[in-house]
N, C-alpha and C. Protein backbone atom coordinates (compact mmCIF):
# COMPACT_ATOMS: atom_id res chain seq x y z
N MET A 1 -4.94 0.23 -28.98
CA MET A 1 -5.24 0.93 -27.94
C MET A 1 -3.87 1.41 -27.07
N THR A 2 -3.45 2.28 -26.77
CA THR A 2 -2.47 2.71 -25.94
C THR A 2 -2.72 2.30 -24.68
N GLU A 3 -1.81 2.50 -23.82
CA GLU A 3 -1.99 2.55 -22.10
C GLU A 3 -2.49 3.70 -21.71
N GLN A 4 -2.51 5.28 -22.14
CA GLN A 4 -3.51 6.14 -21.78
C GLN A 4 -4.74 5.75 -21.75
N GLN A 5 -5.17 4.75 -23.65
CA GLN A 5 -7.19 4.54 -23.26
C GLN A 5 -7.27 3.84 -23.11
N LEU A 6 -6.11 2.98 -22.12
CA LEU A 6 -6.67 1.79 -21.27
C LEU A 6 -7.09 2.33 -19.88
N PHE A 7 -6.35 2.92 -19.57
CA PHE A 7 -5.97 3.51 -18.23
C PHE A 7 -7.68 4.74 -18.16
N THR A 8 -7.62 5.32 -19.60
CA THR A 8 -9.09 6.46 -19.64
C THR A 8 -10.23 5.68 -19.35
N GLN A 9 -10.40 4.37 -20.23
CA GLN A 9 -11.16 3.77 -20.29
C GLN A 9 -11.80 2.92 -18.75
N LEU A 10 -10.22 2.36 -18.03
CA LEU A 10 -11.49 2.39 -17.20
C LEU A 10 -11.49 3.40 -15.75
N SER A 11 -10.84 4.21 -16.49
CA SER A 11 -11.27 5.59 -15.13
C SER A 11 -12.42 6.56 -15.17
N THR A 12 -12.64 6.09 -16.36
CA THR A 12 -14.50 6.62 -16.80
C THR A 12 -15.62 5.56 -17.01
N ASP A 13 -15.42 4.79 -16.45
CA ASP A 13 -16.28 3.01 -16.76
C ASP A 13 -17.25 3.62 -15.67
N ALA A 14 -18.61 3.54 -16.31
CA ALA A 14 -19.23 3.86 -15.04
C ALA A 14 -19.52 2.55 -13.72
N GLY A 15 -19.30 1.51 -14.14
CA GLY A 15 -19.49 0.46 -13.38
C GLY A 15 -18.19 0.34 -12.71
N ILE A 16 -17.02 0.63 -13.04
CA ILE A 16 -16.50 0.62 -12.08
C ILE A 16 -16.08 1.81 -11.11
N THR A 17 -16.41 2.88 -11.55
CA THR A 17 -16.46 4.27 -10.57
C THR A 17 -17.57 3.80 -10.09
N ALA A 18 -18.64 3.66 -10.22
CA ALA A 18 -19.23 3.13 -9.07
C ALA A 18 -18.92 2.15 -7.91
N ILE A 19 -17.84 1.65 -7.81
CA ILE A 19 -17.15 1.14 -7.04
C ILE A 19 -16.13 1.89 -6.26
N THR A 20 -15.05 2.57 -7.21
CA THR A 20 -13.63 3.02 -6.72
C THR A 20 -13.96 3.92 -7.71
N ASN A 21 -13.19 5.47 -7.74
CA ASN A 21 -12.45 6.28 -8.24
C ASN A 21 -11.16 5.91 -8.23
N GLU A 22 -11.00 5.13 -7.16
CA GLU A 22 -9.44 5.01 -7.17
C GLU A 22 -8.00 3.96 -8.40
N ILE A 23 -7.67 4.21 -9.09
CA ILE A 23 -7.65 3.77 -10.28
C ILE A 23 -5.99 4.17 -10.58
N TYR A 24 -4.75 3.52 -10.77
CA TYR A 24 -3.35 3.90 -10.62
C TYR A 24 -2.85 2.35 -11.88
N ASN A 25 -2.03 3.57 -12.69
CA ASN A 25 -1.38 2.61 -13.63
C ASN A 25 -0.31 2.78 -12.59
N GLY A 26 0.48 1.51 -12.63
CA GLY A 26 1.32 0.54 -11.65
C GLY A 26 0.86 0.69 -10.17
N ASP A 27 2.11 0.38 -9.44
CA ASP A 27 1.70 0.11 -8.36
C ASP A 27 0.74 0.24 -7.18
N LEU A 28 0.49 -0.06 -6.27
CA LEU A 28 -1.00 0.13 -5.48
C LEU A 28 -0.15 1.11 -4.62
N PRO A 29 -0.91 2.19 -4.02
CA PRO A 29 0.29 3.29 -3.18
C PRO A 29 0.20 2.77 -1.62
N GLU A 30 0.66 2.55 -1.15
CA GLU A 30 0.64 2.89 0.44
C GLU A 30 -0.67 3.15 1.21
N SER A 31 -0.86 3.81 1.21
CA SER A 31 -2.26 4.78 2.27
C SER A 31 -3.16 4.93 0.72
N VAL A 32 -3.22 3.94 0.29
CA VAL A 32 -4.93 3.88 -1.19
C VAL A 32 -6.22 3.71 0.10
N THR A 33 -6.90 4.40 0.17
CA THR A 33 -8.53 3.67 0.26
C THR A 33 -8.80 2.88 -0.71
N LEU A 34 -9.36 1.75 0.01
CA LEU A 34 -9.72 0.00 -0.75
C LEU A 34 -11.43 0.80 -1.44
N PRO A 35 -11.98 -0.01 -1.66
CA PRO A 35 -11.51 -1.08 -2.72
C PRO A 35 -11.05 0.28 -4.15
N ALA A 36 -9.85 -0.63 -5.06
CA ALA A 36 -9.06 0.18 -6.49
C ALA A 36 -8.35 -0.54 -7.16
N VAL A 37 -7.64 -0.27 -7.86
CA VAL A 37 -7.80 -0.42 -9.66
C VAL A 37 -6.50 -0.42 -10.07
N THR A 38 -5.20 -1.38 -10.00
CA THR A 38 -3.93 -1.03 -10.46
C THR A 38 -4.02 -1.05 -11.90
N MET A 39 -2.90 -0.97 -12.51
CA MET A 39 -3.10 -1.18 -14.25
C MET A 39 -1.64 -1.43 -14.34
N ALA A 40 -0.83 -2.46 -14.85
CA ALA A 40 0.73 -2.69 -15.45
C ALA A 40 0.51 -3.41 -16.37
N PHE A 41 1.81 -2.32 -17.09
CA PHE A 41 2.12 -3.04 -18.70
C PHE A 41 3.04 -3.93 -18.30
N GLN A 42 2.71 -4.96 -18.95
CA GLN A 42 3.76 -6.90 -18.30
C GLN A 42 4.40 -6.82 -19.83
N GLY A 43 4.26 -6.81 -20.65
CA GLY A 43 5.19 -6.54 -22.37
C GLY A 43 3.98 -6.99 -23.32
N ASP A 44 4.83 -7.12 -24.62
CA ASP A 44 4.46 -7.67 -25.78
C ASP A 44 5.02 -8.27 -26.88
N GLU A 45 4.57 -8.13 -27.86
CA GLU A 45 5.12 -9.63 -28.65
C GLU A 45 4.25 -8.32 -30.48
N PRO A 46 5.73 -8.43 -31.04
CA PRO A 46 5.30 -7.75 -32.40
C PRO A 46 4.58 -9.19 -33.20
N ILE A 47 3.10 -8.27 -33.77
CA ILE A 47 2.74 -9.21 -35.12
C ILE A 47 3.29 -9.09 -36.47
N ASN A 48 3.79 -10.18 -36.52
CA ASN A 48 4.70 -10.07 -37.99
C ASN A 48 3.85 -10.82 -39.00
N THR A 49 4.16 -10.62 -40.09
CA THR A 49 4.02 -11.36 -41.32
C THR A 49 5.18 -11.91 -42.38
N LEU A 50 4.61 -12.03 -43.22
CA LEU A 50 6.10 -12.72 -44.13
C LEU A 50 6.83 -11.96 -44.81
N SER A 51 6.40 -10.76 -44.50
CA SER A 51 7.34 -9.48 -45.35
C SER A 51 7.84 -8.99 -43.88
N GLY A 52 7.54 -9.41 -42.69
CA GLY A 52 8.36 -8.68 -41.64
C GLY A 52 7.09 -8.27 -40.75
N ASP A 53 8.33 -7.11 -39.95
CA ASP A 53 7.51 -6.37 -38.56
C ASP A 53 6.32 -5.32 -38.97
N THR A 54 4.70 -5.68 -38.27
CA THR A 54 4.05 -4.62 -39.74
C THR A 54 4.13 -3.51 -38.63
N GLY A 55 4.63 -3.44 -36.92
CA GLY A 55 5.01 -1.88 -36.47
C GLY A 55 3.31 -2.45 -35.09
N ARG A 56 2.74 -3.33 -35.47
CA ARG A 56 1.80 -3.77 -34.94
C ARG A 56 2.19 -4.61 -33.04
N THR A 57 1.58 -4.52 -31.91
CA THR A 57 1.97 -5.52 -31.48
C THR A 57 0.94 -5.30 -31.17
N ARG A 58 0.59 -7.29 -30.32
CA ARG A 58 -0.29 -7.61 -29.34
C ARG A 58 0.45 -7.69 -27.52
N ALA A 59 -0.33 -5.91 -26.86
CA ALA A 59 0.50 -5.85 -25.79
C ALA A 59 -0.04 -6.65 -24.57
N ARG A 60 0.39 -6.78 -23.48
CA ARG A 60 -0.36 -7.47 -22.31
C ARG A 60 -0.62 -6.97 -21.15
N TYR A 61 -1.56 -6.38 -20.40
CA TYR A 61 -1.51 -5.28 -19.11
C TYR A 61 -2.31 -6.43 -18.54
N GLN A 62 -1.89 -6.12 -17.07
CA GLN A 62 -2.70 -6.82 -16.13
C GLN A 62 -3.64 -5.55 -14.83
N ILE A 63 -4.40 -6.12 -14.77
CA ILE A 63 -5.25 -5.05 -14.51
C ILE A 63 -6.24 -5.85 -12.96
N ASN A 64 -5.23 -5.04 -12.30
CA ASN A 64 -6.03 -6.08 -10.52
C ASN A 64 -6.88 -5.09 -9.90
N ALA A 65 -8.17 -6.00 -9.85
CA ALA A 65 -8.78 -5.39 -8.42
C ALA A 65 -8.50 -5.72 -7.28
N TRP A 66 -8.44 -4.72 -6.06
CA TRP A 66 -8.00 -4.59 -4.16
C TRP A 66 -9.01 -4.13 -3.75
N ALA A 67 -9.06 -5.40 -2.80
CA ALA A 67 -10.32 -4.36 -1.67
C ALA A 67 -10.05 -5.62 -0.25
N SER A 68 -10.58 -4.91 0.16
CA SER A 68 -10.45 -5.40 2.27
C SER A 68 -11.47 -6.82 2.22
N THR A 69 -11.78 -7.07 1.13
CA THR A 69 -13.25 -8.13 1.58
C THR A 69 -12.84 -9.00 -0.20
N TYR A 70 -13.56 -10.34 0.38
CA TYR A 70 -13.45 -10.86 -1.29
C TYR A 70 -15.01 -10.92 -2.13
N SER A 71 -15.60 -10.25 -1.12
CA SER A 71 -16.96 -9.74 -2.03
C SER A 71 -16.63 -8.82 -2.36
N ASP A 72 -15.79 -7.55 -2.58
CA ASP A 72 -15.34 -6.36 -2.67
C ASP A 72 -14.59 -6.89 -3.76
N ALA A 73 -13.74 -7.65 -3.65
CA ALA A 73 -12.42 -7.96 -5.33
C ALA A 73 -13.32 -8.50 -6.09
N GLN A 74 -14.52 -9.41 -5.70
CA GLN A 74 -15.29 -9.92 -6.93
C GLN A 74 -15.92 -8.94 -7.48
N ALA A 75 -16.77 -7.99 -7.00
CA ALA A 75 -17.55 -7.18 -7.53
C ALA A 75 -16.74 -6.37 -8.19
N LEU A 76 -15.64 -6.28 -7.49
CA LEU A 76 -14.88 -4.92 -8.70
C LEU A 76 -14.49 -5.71 -9.70
N ARG A 77 -13.54 -6.93 -9.76
CA ARG A 77 -13.46 -8.08 -10.99
C ARG A 77 -14.19 -7.92 -11.95
N VAL A 78 -15.94 -8.59 -11.90
CA VAL A 78 -16.79 -8.37 -12.57
C VAL A 78 -17.11 -7.21 -13.45
N ALA A 79 -17.19 -5.91 -12.63
CA ALA A 79 -17.25 -4.55 -13.65
C ALA A 79 -15.70 -4.07 -14.11
N ILE A 80 -14.44 -4.35 -13.53
CA ILE A 80 -13.59 -4.61 -14.57
C ILE A 80 -13.32 -5.20 -16.16
N GLN A 81 -14.03 -6.16 -15.76
CA GLN A 81 -14.36 -7.34 -16.71
C GLN A 81 -15.68 -6.55 -17.93
N GLN A 82 -16.35 -6.26 -17.58
CA GLN A 82 -17.46 -5.77 -17.86
C GLN A 82 -17.08 -4.57 -19.02
N CYS A 83 -16.22 -3.96 -18.03
CA CYS A 83 -15.39 -2.64 -18.96
C CYS A 83 -14.61 -2.77 -19.99
N MET A 84 -13.71 -4.27 -19.98
CA MET A 84 -12.62 -4.96 -20.92
C MET A 84 -13.43 -6.01 -21.59
N ILE A 85 -14.87 -6.02 -21.87
CA ILE A 85 -15.95 -7.30 -22.18
C ILE A 85 -15.33 -7.30 -24.19
N ASN A 86 -15.22 -6.09 -25.04
CA ASN A 86 -14.10 -6.38 -25.83
C ASN A 86 -12.94 -6.42 -26.24
N SER A 87 -12.10 -6.76 -24.86
CA SER A 87 -10.79 -6.90 -24.81
C SER A 87 -10.45 -8.26 -24.97
N SER A 88 -9.43 -9.50 -25.24
CA SER A 88 -8.72 -10.48 -24.38
C SER A 88 -8.45 -11.04 -23.83
N ARG A 89 -9.53 -11.35 -22.74
CA ARG A 89 -8.78 -11.63 -21.73
C ARG A 89 -8.08 -13.09 -21.49
N ILE A 90 -7.12 -13.29 -20.33
CA ILE A 90 -5.73 -14.24 -20.62
C ILE A 90 -6.52 -14.95 -19.67
N THR A 91 -6.52 -14.33 -18.16
CA THR A 91 -6.63 -15.45 -17.24
C THR A 91 -7.28 -14.03 -16.21
N ALA A 92 -7.62 -15.14 -15.04
CA ALA A 92 -8.25 -14.50 -13.58
C ALA A 92 -7.81 -14.99 -12.66
N GLN A 93 -6.61 -14.11 -12.18
CA GLN A 93 -6.31 -14.92 -10.06
C GLN A 93 -6.84 -14.31 -9.24
N PRO A 94 -7.42 -15.13 -8.52
CA PRO A 94 -7.28 -14.34 -7.23
C PRO A 94 -6.31 -14.77 -6.33
N ALA A 95 -5.81 -13.75 -5.02
CA ALA A 95 -4.82 -14.13 -4.64
C ALA A 95 -5.72 -13.31 -2.85
N HIS A 96 -5.04 -13.67 -1.82
CA HIS A 96 -5.56 -13.20 -0.59
C HIS A 96 -4.33 -12.61 0.15
N GLU A 97 -3.74 -11.61 0.74
CA GLU A 97 -2.88 -11.48 1.77
C GLU A 97 -3.47 -11.44 3.03
N GLU A 98 -3.29 -12.60 4.17
CA GLU A 98 -4.30 -12.84 5.04
C GLU A 98 -3.16 -11.56 6.30
N GLU A 99 -2.32 -11.10 6.38
CA GLU A 99 -1.94 -11.08 7.30
C GLU A 99 -2.39 -9.32 7.22
N ILE A 100 -2.60 -8.49 6.57
CA ILE A 100 -3.44 -7.18 5.69
C ILE A 100 -4.89 -7.13 5.71
N SER A 101 -5.33 -8.70 5.71
CA SER A 101 -6.48 -8.59 5.18
C SER A 101 -6.56 -7.58 3.70
N LEU A 102 -6.37 -8.25 2.95
CA LEU A 102 -6.02 -7.51 1.33
C LEU A 102 -6.40 -9.13 0.25
N PHE A 103 -7.29 -8.24 -0.55
CA PHE A 103 -7.79 -9.65 -1.57
C PHE A 103 -7.11 -9.13 -2.80
N ARG A 104 -7.60 -9.65 -3.62
CA ARG A 104 -6.91 -9.77 -4.91
C ARG A 104 -7.48 -10.50 -6.09
N TYR A 105 -7.95 -9.85 -7.12
CA TYR A 105 -7.88 -10.49 -8.56
C TYR A 105 -7.07 -9.69 -8.89
N ALA A 106 -5.98 -10.78 -10.09
CA ALA A 106 -5.06 -10.13 -10.76
C ALA A 106 -5.77 -10.59 -12.51
N ILE A 107 -6.18 -9.86 -13.37
CA ILE A 107 -6.80 -10.27 -14.40
C ILE A 107 -6.30 -9.72 -15.83
N ASP A 108 -5.35 -10.89 -16.33
CA ASP A 108 -4.18 -10.41 -17.61
C ASP A 108 -5.42 -10.36 -18.93
N TYR A 109 -4.90 -9.19 -19.33
CA TYR A 109 -5.60 -8.48 -21.28
C TYR A 109 -4.31 -8.98 -22.02
N TYR A 110 -4.84 -9.05 -23.00
CA TYR A 110 -4.27 -9.12 -24.44
C TYR A 110 -4.68 -7.78 -25.03
N ILE A 111 -4.15 -6.96 -25.37
CA ILE A 111 -4.60 -5.72 -26.01
C ILE A 111 -3.78 -5.85 -27.65
N PHE A 112 -4.51 -5.04 -28.75
CA PHE A 112 -3.12 -4.40 -29.67
C PHE A 112 -3.50 -3.77 -30.12
N GLN A 113 -1.99 -3.20 -30.63
CA GLN A 113 -2.19 -1.96 -30.72
C GLN A 113 -1.35 -1.46 -31.96
């Protein structure tokens, strides 16, 4: 799956779009309406064999669920995980920016390309 295909998958998923249409590749814009989703490429590892590089990679992407309440962030996390059910989830980490009342789940996936 390419980065564009991942973005399309997230932005057309019924479970996610029932919660938000705010989906971004990269950083969360400052004036965004919450809840929102961001995705970011984190790096990749080549898939090698004894014959050398296969030209395929295992890419790591972070998909973030952003919301102004913890329950909204959780609901968006669940929707993202359902959308990505066929990908290898690495971890899901909650975070809270108390000063600005911003809740986030950072969910990392391996995606084979």
